Amino acid sequence: MEKLISCCGLNCAACEARIATLNDDQALREATAEKWRTEYNAPGITADMINCTGCRAAGVKIGHWHECKIQLCATEKGYTTCGECADLETCEIVAFVHKVAPEALENLKGLN
């Protein structure tokens, strides 16, 4: 499977938001919004918000990307991903992602 690793280590290539965006798939946008409303306890997520080409790819970004503390920290430090940071495994900023998606941490470790 293709990999497009985000700052936090998630594989954007497998993300439903990216797939829906690239394929202009409204049904997948709606299904993803419903799933994320439940998974992330975020009742305000709508299908219209599901547009993203990936954190590190050119194009549209998911709404919160510009204020994402993870990507802001990595960018401020001059890193492409959190995998370049010596504090990767103890960082409180990215810890939530790695708790709910342990594969993200493994993806970052695999980049080095």
Protein backbone atom coordinates (compact mmCIF):
# COMPACT_ATOMS: atom_id res chain seq x y z
CA MET A 1 0.00 0.00 0.00
CA GLU A 2 1.14 3.53 -0.79
CA LYS A 3 2.32 5.56 2.19
CA LEU A 4 2.12 9.32 2.61
CA ILE A 5 3.20 9.91 6.19
CA SER A 6 1.92 13.04 7.92
CA CYS A 7 3.79 15.08 10.53
CA CYS A 8 2.29 12.96 13.32
CA GLY A 9 2.85 9.66 11.54
CA LEU A 10 -0.62 8.89 10.24
CA ASN A 11 -0.69 7.49 6.71
CA CYS A 12 -2.60 10.10 4.70
CA ALA A 13 -2.71 7.72 1.71
CA ALA A 14 -5.12 5.53 3.69
CA CYS A 15 -7.19 8.42 5.08
CA GLU A 16 -10.84 8.47 4.06
CA ALA A 17 -10.79 12.28 3.82
CA ARG A 18 -7.94 12.20 1.31
CA ILE A 19 -9.51 9.38 -0.69
CA ALA A 20 -12.86 11.22 -0.77
CA THR A 21 -11.13 14.42 -1.87
CA LEU A 22 -9.07 12.81 -4.64
CA ASN A 23 -12.09 10.89 -5.95
CA ASP A 24 -14.61 13.69 -5.32
CA ASP A 25 -16.69 11.08 -3.49
CA GLN A 26 -19.55 12.80 -1.64
CA ALA A 27 -20.86 9.54 -0.15
CA LEU A 28 -17.45 8.82 1.39
CA ARG A 29 -17.27 12.41 2.70
CA GLU A 30 -20.63 11.92 4.41
CA ALA A 31 -19.65 8.53 5.84
CA THR A 32 -16.31 9.90 7.08
CA ALA A 33 -17.98 12.89 8.74
CA GLU A 34 -20.41 10.56 10.52
CA LYS A 35 -17.58 8.27 11.64
CA TRP A 36 -15.42 11.15 12.88
CA ARG A 37 -18.32 12.78 14.73
CA THR A 38 -18.56 9.60 16.79
CA GLU A 39 -14.86 8.62 17.03
CA TYR A 40 -13.64 12.08 17.97
CA ASN A 41 -16.74 13.27 19.84
CA ALA A 42 -16.96 16.16 17.40
CA PRO A 43 -20.64 16.72 16.55
CA GLY A 44 -19.82 19.74 14.39
CA ILE A 45 -18.00 17.81 11.66
CA THR A 46 -19.88 17.96 8.37
CA ALA A 47 -19.30 16.33 5.00
CA ASP A 48 -18.35 19.76 3.61
CA MET A 49 -15.35 19.77 5.96
CA ILE A 50 -14.00 16.50 4.57
CA ASN A 51 -11.54 17.87 2.01
CA CYS A 52 -7.82 17.18 2.30
CA THR A 53 -5.02 16.01 0.03
CA GLY A 54 -2.77 15.12 2.96
CA CYS A 55 -0.78 17.07 5.54
CA ARG A 56 2.43 17.06 3.55
CA ALA A 57 0.98 17.03 0.02
CA ALA A 58 0.13 20.02 -2.12
CA GLY A 59 -3.50 21.00 -2.18
CA VAL A 60 -6.41 21.56 0.16
CA LYS A 61 -6.02 20.78 3.86
CA ILE A 62 -8.55 19.64 6.43
CA GLY A 63 -9.97 22.64 8.31
CA HIS A 64 -7.94 22.36 11.51
CA TRP A 65 -4.60 21.84 9.72
CA HIS A 66 -3.58 25.51 9.98
CA GLU A 67 -3.95 25.38 13.77
CA CYS A 68 -2.76 21.79 14.30
CA LYS A 69 -0.25 21.97 17.15
CA ILE A 70 1.61 18.96 15.80
CA GLN A 71 2.31 20.37 12.35
CA LEU A 72 2.97 23.84 13.79
CA CYS A 73 5.58 22.41 16.18
CA ALA A 74 7.26 20.34 13.45
CA THR A 75 7.30 23.31 11.07
CA GLU A 76 8.66 25.65 13.75
CA LYS A 77 11.52 23.22 14.42
CA GLY A 78 12.21 22.82 10.70
CA TYR A 79 11.15 19.16 10.66
CA THR A 80 9.24 17.38 7.93
CA THR A 81 7.71 14.99 10.48
CA CYS A 82 7.83 14.38 14.22
CA GLY A 83 10.09 11.44 13.41
CA GLU A 84 13.02 13.86 13.24
CA CYS A 85 12.50 15.03 16.83
CA ALA A 86 14.52 13.55 19.70
CA ASP A 87 11.41 13.91 21.92
CA LEU A 88 9.19 11.79 19.65
CA GLU A 89 8.31 9.10 22.19
CA THR A 90 7.84 11.48 25.13
CA CYS A 91 6.17 14.41 23.37
CA GLU A 92 2.84 15.43 24.90
CA ILE A 93 1.76 17.23 21.72
CA VAL A 94 1.66 14.12 19.52
CA ALA A 95 0.95 11.60 22.31
CA PHE A 96 -2.81 11.56 21.69
CA VAL A 97 -2.38 10.50 18.08
CA HIS A 98 0.04 7.75 19.03
CA LYS A 99 -2.30 6.55 21.76
CA VAL A 100 -5.28 6.13 19.44
CA ALA A 101 -3.20 5.11 16.40
CA PRO A 102 -0.01 3.31 17.52
CA GLU A 103 0.82 2.59 13.89
CA ALA A 104 1.53 6.33 13.48
CA LEU A 105 4.47 6.08 15.86
CA GLU A 106 5.74 3.00 14.03
CA ASN A 107 5.42 4.84 10.70
CA LEU A 108 7.61 7.66 12.03
CA LYS A 109 10.19 5.25 13.41
CA GLY A 110 10.28 3.54 10.01
CA LEU A 111 11.21 6.78 8.25
CA ASN A 112 14.64 6.95 9.88
